[in-house]
Amino acid sequence: MAVRGIAKGFISVGKKLTDVRMEKITTTESVAAGGGGGEGTYWDGLRVSLIRFFEGPPIGKHGVFQGVVFTVFKFLEGEVTLIKDGVTARARKGDWMVCHPGERFQDFSDSARIISIHLLVESPGNAASWQGGPVLAFGAEAAATAGGGGRTRSSGLDACVRRMRRSAVLRRLEASGKICPLGVPETFAEALELQEVVAAFFRRLMSILEPLGMRYAAPLIRDRRVRESRQRLAAAGLREGFSRERLAAECGLSAAQLDRLWREELATTPAQFWNARRLQAACALLQGDAHSIKEIAFEMGFRHLSQFSFWFAKNMNESPRAFRRRHERD
């Protein structure tokens, strides 16, 4: 489905798209579940996008916050206690911490200073999602040897961060005082450079996380109709809207039948998936300052700002304006 605008397939919202296309692996029609890099599934739609990058005091030192995308912290000073889905993790100077998308409670010390890297990881073709512990902390030694080859200045996560900061786009971003790459002018060569350094960072990060039990993995979707309808919804532009009946008819089913198949395979329904996707996209855009709330409402498929505000408040227990203000950089 061809769509123009700021919000195509969630954060195709994010212009800085690290579109990591991997060779399609031939499989049977019943796509096998894959692990983080899994055999036997399709990863040709995998994308890793840099959504936010900054160094300084954390945004929101104490309270409940919505982590829209995958979050990575490097601690330069201070410490934190973070709780997500009932799991508690702590980190201090020199440590790294990663957290799944979603709501979390965080309590940073007053002296905390971090490098904050927000990544959107998505693979609409195979329904991959984050699995394992929702929050993890690891020390400087693990970070320094990420990717193998021992501990050298040119290896590990810190080296990848230095490469990211040397990229033309991030130099321009930091010079302007911005934290979101959205709207930062770039040439084609600069866009490719950013893709390369972000992909290298993420690959080394996963070499640490997977042995610790945190994986980005694809589920086994046995039913072709569930797999294909999910791919349609994942690729559809958010402005196009969602019709439960039309989606089911395209599969030769009633809406109730397709809902039942989705629950069996994915423990959700098409409507719930669409709502979560739209909410995630709205939260991501509200955390940046490139678009007004009225523009975001339009891109989410709402004809009136009041409709968007009501829907957002119903799902998030606060208005879009309050959410944006609470997630602004201090």
C-alpha atoms as a PDB file:
ATOM      1  CA  MET A   1       0.000   0.000   0.000  1.00  0.00           C
ATOM      2  CA  ALA A   2       1.637   3.193  -1.137  1.00  0.00           C
ATOM      3  CA  VAL A   3       1.441   5.949   1.433  1.00  0.00           C
ATOM      4  CA  ARG A   4       2.892   9.409   1.723  1.00  0.00           C
ATOM      5  CA  GLY A   5       3.349  11.238   4.981  1.00  0.00           C
ATOM      6  CA  ILE A   6       5.237  11.108   8.206  1.00  0.00           C
ATOM      7  CA  ALA A   7       3.802   7.819   9.423  1.00  0.00           C
ATOM      8  CA  LYS A   8       3.846   4.887   7.050  1.00  0.00           C
ATOM      9  CA  GLY A   9       4.603   1.618   8.810  1.00  0.00           C
ATOM     10  CA  PHE A  10       4.957   2.890  12.371  1.00  0.00           C
ATOM     11  CA  ILE A  11       8.167   4.797  12.155  1.00  0.00           C
ATOM     12  CA  SER A  12       8.752   4.850   8.748  1.00  0.00           C
ATOM     13  CA  VAL A  13       7.825   7.853  10.786  1.00  0.00           C
ATOM     14  CA  GLY A  14      11.534   7.773  11.579  1.00  0.00           C
ATOM     15  CA  LYS A  15      13.317   9.172   8.585  1.00  0.00           C
ATOM     16  CA  LYS A  16      16.690   7.900   9.767  1.00  0.00           C
ATOM     17  CA  LEU A  17      15.941   4.380   8.656  1.00  0.00           C
ATOM     18  CA  THR A  18      18.619   1.763   9.013  1.00  0.00           C
ATOM     19  CA  ASP A  19      17.042  -0.599   6.542  1.00  0.00           C
ATOM     20  CA  VAL A  20      18.999  -3.751   7.168  1.00  0.00           C
ATOM     21  CA  ARG A  21      17.906  -6.102   4.429  1.00  0.00           C
ATOM     22  CA  MET A  22      19.057  -9.641   4.872  1.00  0.00           C
ATOM     23  CA  GLU A  23      18.971 -12.382   2.294  1.00  0.00           C
ATOM     24  CA  LYS A  24      15.591 -14.087   2.099  1.00  0.00           C
ATOM     25  CA  ILE A  25      15.832 -17.626   3.342  1.00  0.00           C
ATOM     26  CA  THR A  26      13.730 -20.112   1.379  1.00  0.00           C
ATOM     27  CA  THR A  27      11.250 -21.805   3.660  1.00  0.00           C
ATOM     28  CA  THR A  28       8.180 -23.959   3.559  1.00  0.00           C
ATOM     29  CA  GLU A  29       4.836 -22.189   3.633  1.00  0.00           C
ATOM     30  CA  SER A  30       4.713 -22.822   7.347  1.00  0.00           C
ATOM     31  CA  VAL A  31       7.359 -20.313   8.386  1.00  0.00           C
ATOM     32  CA  ALA A  32       9.520 -21.682  11.174  1.00  0.00           C
ATOM     33  CA  ALA A  33      10.218 -19.570  14.205  1.00  0.00           C
ATOM     34  CA  GLY A  34      13.627 -17.975  14.234  1.00  0.00           C
ATOM     35  CA  GLY A  35      15.810 -16.698  17.016  1.00  0.00           C
ATOM     36  CA  GLY A  36      17.582 -13.390  17.076  1.00  0.00           C
ATOM     37  CA  GLY A  37      19.158 -14.118  13.744  1.00  0.00           C
ATOM     38  CA  GLY A  38      17.001 -17.176  13.207  1.00  0.00           C
ATOM     39  CA  GLU A  39      17.279 -19.817  10.585  1.00  0.00           C
ATOM     40  CA  GLY A  40      14.148 -20.613   8.624  1.00  0.00           C
ATOM     41  CA  THR A  41      12.319 -17.314   8.659  1.00  0.00           C
ATOM     42  CA  TYR A  42      12.167 -14.150   6.566  1.00  0.00           C
ATOM     43  CA  TRP A  43      14.248 -11.161   7.691  1.00  0.00           C
ATOM     44  CA  ASP A  44      14.196  -9.203   4.419  1.00  0.00           C
ATOM     45  CA  GLY A  45      12.019  -6.483   5.997  1.00  0.00           C
ATOM     46  CA  LEU A  46      14.196  -5.980   9.090  1.00  0.00           C
ATOM     47  CA  ARG A  47      14.777  -2.315   9.933  1.00  0.00           C
ATOM     48  CA  VAL A  48      16.744  -0.692  12.731  1.00  0.00           C
ATOM     49  CA  SER A  49      16.135   3.058  13.012  1.00  0.00           C
ATOM     50  CA  LEU A  50      17.879   5.598  15.228  1.00  0.00           C
ATOM     51  CA  ILE A  51      15.112   7.612  16.886  1.00  0.00           C
ATOM     52  CA  ARG A  52      16.949   9.552  19.598  1.00  0.00           C
ATOM     53  CA  PHE A  53      20.566  10.156  20.631  1.00  0.00           C
ATOM     54  CA  PHE A  54      21.920  12.442  23.320  1.00  0.00           C
ATOM     55  CA  GLU A  55      24.441  12.779  26.128  1.00  0.00           C
ATOM     56  CA  GLY A  56      23.469  14.491  29.358  1.00  0.00           C
ATOM     57  CA  PRO A  57      21.084  14.248  32.318  1.00  0.00           C
ATOM     58  CA  PRO A  58      18.281  11.718  31.748  1.00  0.00           C
ATOM     59  CA  ILE A  59      14.902  12.920  30.560  1.00  0.00           C
ATOM     60  CA  GLY A  60      12.515  12.218  33.405  1.00  0.00           C
ATOM     61  CA  LYS A  61      14.620  11.270  36.424  1.00  0.00           C
ATOM     62  CA  HIS A  62      11.844   9.762  38.533  1.00  0.00           C
ATOM     63  CA  GLY A  63       8.472   8.286  37.696  1.00  0.00           C
ATOM     64  CA  VAL A  64       6.599   6.177  35.168  1.00  0.00           C
ATOM     65  CA  PHE A  65       7.512   6.751  31.535  1.00  0.00           C
ATOM     66  CA  GLN A  66       6.532   5.281  28.192  1.00  0.00           C
ATOM     67  CA  GLY A  67       9.496   3.729  26.417  1.00  0.00           C
ATOM     68  CA  VAL A  68       8.196   3.839  22.867  1.00  0.00           C
ATOM     69  CA  VAL A  69      11.119   1.978  21.330  1.00  0.00           C
ATOM     70  CA  PHE A  70      14.108  -0.100  22.436  1.00  0.00           C
ATOM     71  CA  THR A  71      16.201   1.980  24.841  1.00  0.00           C
ATOM     72  CA  VAL A  72      19.953   1.805  25.516  1.00  0.00           C
ATOM     73  CA  PHE A  73      21.692   3.749  28.304  1.00  0.00           C
ATOM     74  CA  LYS A  74      25.443   4.120  28.899  1.00  0.00           C
ATOM     75  CA  PHE A  75      26.122   5.499  32.404  1.00  0.00           C
ATOM     76  CA  LEU A  76      28.759   8.223  32.560  1.00  0.00           C
ATOM     77  CA  GLU A  77      27.888   9.297  36.120  1.00  0.00           C
ATOM     78  CA  GLY A  78      25.395   8.351  38.801  1.00  0.00           C
ATOM     79  CA  GLU A  79      23.090   5.369  38.997  1.00  0.00           C
ATOM     80  CA  VAL A  80      19.548   4.176  38.310  1.00  0.00           C
ATOM     81  CA  THR A  81      16.944   1.673  39.419  1.00  0.00           C
ATOM     82  CA  LEU A  82      14.565   0.688  36.622  1.00  0.00           C
ATOM     83  CA  ILE A  83      11.509  -1.559  36.913  1.00  0.00           C
ATOM     84  CA  LYS A  84       9.691  -3.040  33.934  1.00  0.00           C
ATOM     85  CA  ASP A  85       7.044  -5.768  33.958  1.00  0.00           C
ATOM     86  CA  GLY A  86       7.946  -6.628  37.534  1.00  0.00           C
ATOM     87  CA  VAL A  87      11.677  -7.022  36.811  1.00  0.00           C
ATOM     88  CA  THR A  88      14.128  -4.694  38.585  1.00  0.00           C
ATOM     89  CA  ALA A  89      17.579  -3.783  37.257  1.00  0.00           C
ATOM     90  CA  ARG A  90      20.216  -1.402  38.606  1.00  0.00           C
ATOM     91  CA  ALA A  91      23.167   0.254  36.925  1.00  0.00           C
ATOM     92  CA  ARG A  92      25.898   2.715  37.898  1.00  0.00           C
ATOM     93  CA  LYS A  93      28.821   4.570  36.359  1.00  0.00           C
ATOM     94  CA  GLY A  94      30.442   2.530  33.580  1.00  0.00           C
ATOM     95  CA  ASP A  95      27.482   0.162  33.179  1.00  0.00           C
ATOM     96  CA  TRP A  96      25.073  -0.217  30.297  1.00  0.00           C
ATOM     97  CA  MET A  97      21.337  -0.841  30.517  1.00  0.00           C
ATOM     98  CA  VAL A  98      18.814  -1.898  27.869  1.00  0.00           C
ATOM     99  CA  CYS A  99      15.026  -1.963  28.107  1.00  0.00           C
ATOM    100  CA  HIS A 100      12.204  -3.308  25.960  1.00  0.00           C
ATOM    101  CA  PRO A 101       9.605  -0.868  24.608  1.00  0.00           C
ATOM    102  CA  GLY A 102       6.671  -0.128  26.892  1.00  0.00           C
ATOM    103  CA  GLU A 103       5.872   1.451  30.223  1.00  0.00           C
ATOM    104  CA  ARG A 104       8.575   1.476  32.898  1.00  0.00           C
ATOM    105  CA  PHE A 105       9.383   3.048  36.244  1.00  0.00           C
ATOM    106  CA  GLN A 106      12.777   4.734  36.526  1.00  0.00           C
ATOM    107  CA  ASP A 107      14.607   6.379  39.407  1.00  0.00           C
ATOM    108  CA  PHE A 108      17.864   8.122  38.455  1.00  0.00           C
ATOM    109  CA  SER A 109      20.193   9.679  40.990  1.00  0.00           C
ATOM    110  CA  ASP A 110      20.556  13.462  40.888  1.00  0.00           C
ATOM    111  CA  SER A 111      24.114  13.101  39.563  1.00  0.00           C
ATOM    112  CA  ALA A 112      23.135  10.786  36.693  1.00  0.00           C
ATOM    113  CA  ARG A 113      24.579  11.558  33.288  1.00  0.00           C
ATOM    114  CA  ILE A 114      24.043   9.169  30.395  1.00  0.00           C
ATOM    115  CA  ILE A 115      24.384   8.493  26.716  1.00  0.00           C
ATOM    116  CA  SER A 116      20.842   7.644  25.611  1.00  0.00           C
ATOM    117  CA  ILE A 117      20.253   5.743  22.361  1.00  0.00           C
ATOM    118  CA  HIS A 118      16.722   4.929  21.242  1.00  0.00           C
ATOM    119  CA  LEU A 119      16.285   2.369  18.464  1.00  0.00           C
ATOM    120  CA  LEU A 120      13.182   1.266  16.627  1.00  0.00           C
ATOM    121  CA  VAL A 121      13.614  -2.371  15.636  1.00  0.00           C
ATOM    122  CA  GLU A 122      10.887  -3.786  13.423  1.00  0.00           C
ATOM    123  CA  SER A 123      10.400  -6.736  11.111  1.00  0.00           C
ATOM    124  CA  PRO A 124       6.842  -6.582   9.765  1.00  0.00           C
ATOM    125  CA  GLY A 125       7.306  -9.563   7.478  1.00  0.00           C
ATOM    126  CA  ASN A 126       7.738 -12.133  10.237  1.00  0.00           C
ATOM    127  CA  ALA A 127       6.086 -10.584  13.333  1.00  0.00           C
ATOM    128  CA  ALA A 128       9.334 -10.594  15.324  1.00  0.00           C
ATOM    129  CA  SER A 129       9.250  -9.064  18.791  1.00  0.00           C
ATOM    130  CA  TRP A 130      11.432  -8.636  21.862  1.00  0.00           C
ATOM    131  CA  GLN A 131      11.609 -11.674  24.120  1.00  0.00           C
ATOM    132  CA  GLY A 132      13.363 -12.547  27.355  1.00  0.00           C
ATOM    133  CA  GLY A 133      14.074 -10.261  30.287  1.00  0.00           C
ATOM    134  CA  PRO A 134      12.452  -6.870  29.673  1.00  0.00           C
ATOM    135  CA  VAL A 135      15.376  -4.972  31.226  1.00  0.00           C
ATOM    136  CA  LEU A 136      19.056  -5.903  31.544  1.00  0.00           C
ATOM    137  CA  ALA A 137      22.214  -4.254  32.857  1.00  0.00           C
ATOM    138  CA  PHE A 138      25.776  -5.284  32.036  1.00  0.00           C
ATOM    139  CA  GLY A 139      29.205  -3.960  32.851  1.00  0.00           C
ATOM    140  CA  ALA A 140      32.002  -2.238  30.992  1.00  0.00           C
ATOM    141  CA  GLU A 141      33.928  -5.476  30.418  1.00  0.00           C
ATOM    142  CA  ALA A 142      31.097  -7.072  28.443  1.00  0.00           C
ATOM    143  CA  ALA A 143      30.609  -3.864  26.451  1.00  0.00           C
ATOM    144  CA  ALA A 144      34.325  -3.620  25.648  1.00  0.00           C
ATOM    145  CA  THR A 145      34.515  -7.124  24.185  1.00  0.00           C
ATOM    146  CA  ALA A 146      31.221  -7.063  22.261  1.00  0.00           C
ATOM    147  CA  GLY A 147      31.553  -8.748  18.915  1.00  0.00           C
ATOM    148  CA  GLY A 148      34.600 -10.790  19.944  1.00  0.00           C
ATOM    149  CA  GLY A 149      38.222 -10.113  19.131  1.00  0.00           C
ATOM    150  CA  GLY A 150      39.214  -9.063  22.639  1.00  0.00           C
ATOM    151  CA  ARG A 151      39.327  -5.664  24.245  1.00  0.00           C
ATOM    152  CA  THR A 152      40.782  -2.950  22.013  1.00  0.00           C
ATOM    153  CA  ARG A 153      39.973   0.698  21.399  1.00  0.00           C
ATOM    154  CA  SER A 154      38.491  -0.202  18.011  1.00  0.00           C
ATOM    155  CA  SER A 155      36.201  -2.922  19.398  1.00  0.00           C
ATOM    156  CA  GLY A 156      33.124  -2.984  21.599  1.00  0.00           C
ATOM    157  CA  LEU A 157      30.116  -0.746  22.061  1.00  0.00           C
ATOM    158  CA  ASP A 158      32.059   2.393  22.975  1.00  0.00           C
ATOM    159  CA  ALA A 159      33.895   2.233  19.660  1.00  0.00           C
ATOM    160  CA  CYS A 160      30.569   1.942  17.848  1.00  0.00           C
ATOM    161  CA  VAL A 161      29.215   4.964  19.722  1.00  0.00           C
ATOM    162  CA  ARG A 162      32.303   6.979  18.730  1.00  0.00           C
ATOM    163  CA  ARG A 163      31.719   6.027  15.096  1.00  0.00           C
ATOM    164  CA  MET A 164      28.081   7.066  15.365  1.00  0.00           C
ATOM    165  CA  ARG A 165      29.041  10.449  16.805  1.00  0.00           C
ATOM    166  CA  ARG A 166      31.552  11.012  14.009  1.00  0.00           C
ATOM    167  CA  SER A 167      28.857  10.481  11.374  1.00  0.00           C
ATOM    168  CA  ALA A 168      27.822  13.640   9.567  1.00  0.00           C
ATOM    169  CA  VAL A 169      24.183  13.408  10.636  1.00  0.00           C
ATOM    170  CA  LEU A 170      24.923  13.057  14.354  1.00  0.00           C
ATOM    171  CA  ARG A 171      27.558  15.803  14.251  1.00  0.00           C
ATOM    172  CA  ARG A 172      24.902  18.081  12.800  1.00  0.00           C
ATOM    173  CA  LEU A 173      22.326  16.837  15.307  1.00  0.00           C
ATOM    174  CA  GLU A 174      24.512  17.478  18.356  1.00  0.00           C
ATOM    175  CA  ALA A 175      25.678  20.851  17.042  1.00  0.00           C
ATOM    176  CA  SER A 176      22.051  21.970  16.777  1.00  0.00           C
ATOM    177  CA  GLY A 177      21.195  20.799  20.297  1.00  0.00           C
ATOM    178  CA  LYS A 178      18.564  18.415  18.974  1.00  0.00           C
ATOM    179  CA  ILE A 179      18.179  14.823  20.151  1.00  0.00           C
ATOM    180  CA  CYS A 180      15.934  13.373  17.427  1.00  0.00           C
ATOM    181  CA  PRO A 181      17.331  12.751  13.919  1.00  0.00           C
ATOM    182  CA  LEU A 182      13.918  13.468  12.390  1.00  0.00           C
ATOM    183  CA  GLY A 183      14.177  16.453  10.108  1.00  0.00           C
ATOM    184  CA  VAL A 184      17.981  16.720  10.139  1.00  0.00           C
ATOM    185  CA  PRO A 185      19.097  17.434   6.535  1.00  0.00           C
ATOM    186  CA  GLU A 186      21.352  14.805   5.007  1.00  0.00           C
ATOM    187  CA  THR A 187      22.780  13.708   1.694  1.00  0.00           C
ATOM    188  CA  PHE A 188      22.341  10.207   0.325  1.00  0.00           C
ATOM    189  CA  ALA A 189      25.914   9.334   1.309  1.00  0.00           C
ATOM    190  CA  GLU A 190      25.340  10.643   4.840  1.00  0.00           C
ATOM    191  CA  ALA A 191      22.171   8.567   5.180  1.00  0.00           C
ATOM    192  CA  LEU A 192      24.089   5.446   4.159  1.00  0.00           C
ATOM    193  CA  GLU A 193      26.835   6.292   6.638  1.00  0.00           C
ATOM    194  CA  LEU A 194      24.328   6.543   9.481  1.00  0.00           C
ATOM    195  CA  GLN A 195      22.724   3.245   8.492  1.00  0.00           C
ATOM    196  CA  GLU A 196      26.115   1.562   8.589  1.00  0.00           C
ATOM    197  CA  VAL A 197      27.162   2.797  12.032  1.00  0.00           C
ATOM    198  CA  VAL A 198      23.773   2.131  13.641  1.00  0.00           C
ATOM    199  CA  ALA A 199      23.682  -1.397  12.231  1.00  0.00           C
ATOM    200  CA  ALA A 200      27.205  -2.073  13.531  1.00  0.00           C
ATOM    201  CA  PHE A 201      26.244  -0.861  17.002  1.00  0.00           C
ATOM    202  CA  PHE A 202      23.089  -2.957  17.095  1.00  0.00           C
ATOM    203  CA  ARG A 203      24.846  -6.084  15.878  1.00  0.00           C
ATOM    204  CA  ARG A 204      27.472  -5.828  18.622  1.00  0.00           C
ATOM    205  CA  LEU A 205      24.831  -5.064  21.214  1.00  0.00           C
ATOM    206  CA  MET A 206      22.895  -8.212  20.300  1.00  0.00           C
ATOM    207  CA  SER A 207      26.067 -10.288  20.683  1.00  0.00           C
ATOM    208  CA  ILE A 208      25.895  -9.347  24.384  1.00  0.00           C
ATOM    209  CA  LEU A 209      22.145  -9.575  24.894  1.00  0.00           C
ATOM    210  CA  GLU A 210      21.403 -12.920  23.274  1.00  0.00           C
ATOM    211  CA  PRO A 211      23.612 -14.965  25.664  1.00  0.00           C
ATOM    212  CA  LEU A 212      21.858 -13.125  28.526  1.00  0.00           C
ATOM    213  CA  GLY A 213      18.469 -14.269  27.259  1.00  0.00           C
ATOM    214  CA  MET A 214      17.197 -11.126  25.517  1.00  0.00           C
ATOM    215  CA  ARG A 215      16.362 -11.828  21.888  1.00  0.00           C
ATOM    216  CA  TYR A 216      14.530 -10.302  18.963  1.00  0.00           C
ATOM    217  CA  ALA A 217      12.727 -13.358  17.624  1.00  0.00           C
ATOM    218  CA  ALA A 218      10.011 -14.324  15.178  1.00  0.00           C
ATOM    219  CA  PRO A 219       7.071 -16.454  16.320  1.00  0.00           C
ATOM    220  CA  LEU A 220       5.866 -19.515  14.474  1.00  0.00           C
ATOM    221  CA  ILE A 221       2.797 -18.470  12.472  1.00  0.00           C
ATOM    222  CA  ARG A 222       1.402 -21.662  10.975  1.00  0.00           C
ATOM    223  CA  ASP A 223      -1.749 -20.327   9.385  1.00  0.00           C
ATOM    224  CA  ARG A 224      -1.101 -18.595   6.074  1.00  0.00           C
ATOM    225  CA  ARG A 225      -4.156 -16.337   6.515  1.00  0.00           C
ATOM    226  CA  VAL A 226      -2.901 -15.024   9.846  1.00  0.00           C
ATOM    227  CA  ARG A 227       0.584 -14.499   8.457  1.00  0.00           C
ATOM    228  CA  GLU A 228      -0.610 -12.637   5.361  1.00  0.00           C
ATOM    229  CA  SER A 229      -3.192 -10.498   7.164  1.00  0.00           C
ATOM    230  CA  ARG A 230      -0.605  -9.498   9.748  1.00  0.00           C
ATOM    231  CA  GLN A 231       1.814  -8.511   6.990  1.00  0.00           C
ATOM    232  CA  ARG A 232      -0.893  -6.350   5.421  1.00  0.00           C
ATOM    233  CA  LEU A 233      -1.578  -4.545   8.682  1.00  0.00           C
ATOM    234  CA  ALA A 234       2.125  -4.104   9.467  1.00  0.00           C
ATOM    235  CA  ALA A 235       2.794  -2.556   6.052  1.00  0.00           C
ATOM    236  CA  ALA A 236      -0.342  -0.409   5.804  1.00  0.00           C
ATOM    237  CA  GLY A 237      -0.109   3.351   6.172  1.00  0.00           C
ATOM    238  CA  LEU A 238      -1.691   4.535   9.392  1.00  0.00           C
ATOM    239  CA  ARG A 239      -3.701   7.174   7.563  1.00  0.00           C
ATOM    240  CA  GLU A 240      -5.497   4.463   5.599  1.00  0.00           C
ATOM    241  CA  GLY A 241      -7.552   3.359   8.559  1.00  0.00           C
ATOM    242  CA  PHE A 242      -8.524  -0.144   9.606  1.00  0.00           C
ATOM    243  CA  SER A 243     -11.522  -2.255   8.635  1.00  0.00           C
ATOM    244  CA  ARG A 244     -11.863  -5.527  10.507  1.00  0.00           C
ATOM    245  CA  GLU A 245     -14.423  -6.814   8.002  1.00  0.00           C
ATOM    246  CA  ARG A 246     -12.411  -5.869   4.916  1.00  0.00           C
ATOM    247  CA  LEU A 247      -9.247  -7.508   6.244  1.00  0.00           C
ATOM    248  CA  ALA A 248     -11.147 -10.716   7.016  1.00  0.00           C
ATOM    249  CA  ALA A 249     -12.862 -10.724   3.614  1.00  0.00           C
ATOM    250  CA  GLU A 250      -9.472 -10.527   1.892  1.00  0.00           C
ATOM    251  CA  CYS A 251      -8.667 -13.809   3.670  1.00  0.00           C
ATOM    252  CA  GLY A 252     -11.993 -15.418   2.779  1.00  0.00           C
ATOM    253  CA  LEU A 253     -13.147 -15.360   6.402  1.00  0.00           C
ATOM    254  CA  SER A 254     -15.606 -13.581   8.632  1.00  0.00           C
ATOM    255  CA  ALA A 255     -14.222 -11.032  11.087  1.00  0.00           C
ATOM    256  CA  ALA A 256     -14.976 -13.347  14.013  1.00  0.00           C
ATOM    257  CA  GLN A 257     -13.172 -16.249  12.333  1.00  0.00           C
ATOM    258  CA  LEU A 258     -10.060 -14.165  11.674  1.00  0.00           C
ATOM    259  CA  ASP A 259     -10.099 -12.862  15.254  1.00  0.00           C
ATOM    260  CA  ARG A 260     -10.190 -16.445  16.539  1.00  0.00           C
ATOM    261  CA  LEU A 261      -7.258 -17.505  14.333  1.00  0.00           C
ATOM    262  CA  TRP A 262      -5.226 -14.485  15.444  1.00  0.00           C
ATOM    263  CA  ARG A 263      -5.863 -15.266  19.112  1.00  0.00           C
ATOM    264  CA  GLU A 264      -4.727 -18.853  18.585  1.00  0.00           C
ATOM    265  CA  GLU A 265      -1.535 -17.846  16.757  1.00  0.00           C
ATOM    266  CA  LEU A 266      -0.591 -14.462  18.229  1.00  0.00           C
ATOM    267  CA  ALA A 267      -2.676 -14.061  21.411  1.00  0.00           C
ATOM    268  CA  THR A 268      -4.141 -10.822  20.060  1.00  0.00           C
ATOM    269  CA  THR A 269      -6.643  -9.650  17.438  1.00  0.00           C
ATOM    270  CA  PRO A 270      -6.157  -7.551  14.283  1.00  0.00           C
ATOM    271  CA  ALA A 271      -7.917  -4.598  15.942  1.00  0.00           C
ATOM    272  CA  GLN A 272      -5.699  -4.818  19.031  1.00  0.00           C
ATOM    273  CA  PHE A 273      -2.586  -5.064  16.854  1.00  0.00           C
ATOM    274  CA  TRP A 274      -3.627  -2.018  14.811  1.00  0.00           C
ATOM    275  CA  ASN A 275      -4.426   0.011  17.908  1.00  0.00           C
ATOM    276  CA  ALA A 276      -1.068  -0.843  19.501  1.00  0.00           C
ATOM    277  CA  ARG A 277       0.785   0.010  16.306  1.00  0.00           C
ATOM    278  CA  ARG A 278      -0.973   3.348  15.972  1.00  0.00           C
ATOM    279  CA  LEU A 279      -0.417   4.182  19.649  1.00  0.00           C
ATOM    280  CA  GLN A 280       3.278   3.350  19.403  1.00  0.00           C
ATOM    281  CA  ALA A 281       3.635   5.580  16.350  1.00  0.00           C
ATOM    282  CA  ALA A 282       1.801   8.457  18.036  1.00  0.00           C
ATOM    283  CA  CYS A 283       3.969   8.226  21.159  1.00  0.00           C
ATOM    284  CA  ALA A 284       7.135   8.206  19.065  1.00  0.00           C
ATOM    285  CA  LEU A 285       6.106  11.315  17.143  1.00  0.00           C
ATOM    286  CA  LEU A 286       5.018  13.125  20.291  1.00  0.00           C
ATOM    287  CA  GLN A 287       8.469  12.587  21.796  1.00  0.00           C
ATOM    288  CA  GLY A 288       9.969  14.605  18.954  1.00  0.00           C
ATOM    289  CA  ASP A 289       9.242  18.202  18.026  1.00  0.00           C
ATOM    290  CA  ALA A 290       9.192  17.923  14.246  1.00  0.00           C
ATOM    291  CA  HIS A 291       5.381  17.797  13.989  1.00  0.00           C
ATOM    292  CA  SER A 292       2.472  19.510  15.695  1.00  0.00           C
ATOM    293  CA  ILE A 293      -0.116  17.466  17.574  1.00  0.00           C
ATOM    294  CA  LYS A 294      -2.655  18.310  14.879  1.00  0.00           C
ATOM    295  CA  GLU A 295      -0.324  16.944  12.190  1.00  0.00           C
ATOM    296  CA  ILE A 296       0.256  13.785  14.219  1.00  0.00           C
ATOM    297  CA  ALA A 297      -3.496  13.284  14.626  1.00  0.00           C
ATOM    298  CA  PHE A 298      -3.940  13.468  10.856  1.00  0.00           C
ATOM    299  CA  GLU A 299      -1.119  10.999  10.236  1.00  0.00           C
ATOM    300  CA  MET A 300      -2.669   8.552  12.711  1.00  0.00           C
ATOM    301  CA  GLY A 301      -5.858   8.547  10.639  1.00  0.00           C
ATOM    302  CA  PHE A 302      -8.014  10.882  12.756  1.00  0.00           C
ATOM    303  CA  ARG A 303     -10.111  13.480  10.982  1.00  0.00           C
ATOM    304  CA  HIS A 304     -10.386  15.719  14.039  1.00  0.00           C
ATOM    305  CA  LEU A 305      -7.872  16.630  16.734  1.00  0.00           C
ATOM    306  CA  SER A 306     -10.503  16.083  19.434  1.00  0.00           C
ATOM    307  CA  GLN A 307     -10.956  12.466  18.317  1.00  0.00           C
ATOM    308  CA  PHE A 308      -7.237  11.855  18.501  1.00  0.00           C
ATOM    309  CA  SER A 309      -6.956  13.487  21.926  1.00  0.00           C
ATOM    310  CA  PHE A 310      -9.832  11.388  23.306  1.00  0.00           C
ATOM    311  CA  TRP A 311      -8.375   8.142  21.893  1.00  0.00           C
ATOM    312  CA  PHE A 312      -4.876   8.930  23.170  1.00  0.00           C
ATOM    313  CA  ALA A 313      -6.076   9.843  26.673  1.00  0.00           C
ATOM    314  CA  LYS A 314      -8.184   6.680  26.839  1.00  0.00           C
ATOM    315  CA  ASN A 315      -5.123   4.551  26.072  1.00  0.00           C
ATOM    316  CA  MET A 316      -2.425   6.518  27.938  1.00  0.00           C
ATOM    317  CA  ASN A 317      -4.345   8.194  30.778  1.00  0.00           C
ATOM    318  CA  GLU A 318      -3.030  11.620  29.767  1.00  0.00           C
ATOM    319  CA  SER A 319      -3.503  14.051  26.913  1.00  0.00           C
ATOM    320  CA  PRO A 320      -1.120  14.174  23.928  1.00  0.00           C
ATOM    321  CA  ARG A 321       0.075  17.591  25.118  1.00  0.00           C
ATOM    322  CA  ALA A 322       0.790  16.336  28.652  1.00  0.00           C
ATOM    323  CA  PHE A 323       2.611  13.300  27.263  1.00  0.00           C
ATOM    324  CA  ARG A 324       4.782  15.475  25.018  1.00  0.00           C
ATOM    325  CA  ARG A 325       5.598  17.880  27.842  1.00  0.00           C
ATOM    326  CA  ARG A 326       6.516  15.026  30.221  1.00  0.00           C
ATOM    327  CA  HIS A 327       8.902  13.453  27.705  1.00  0.00           C
ATOM    328  CA  GLU A 328      10.639  16.657  26.629  1.00  0.00           C
ATOM    329  CA  ARG A 329      14.347  17.023  27.216  1.00  0.00           C
ATOM    330  CA  ASP A 330      15.038  18.791  30.508  1.00  0.00           C
END
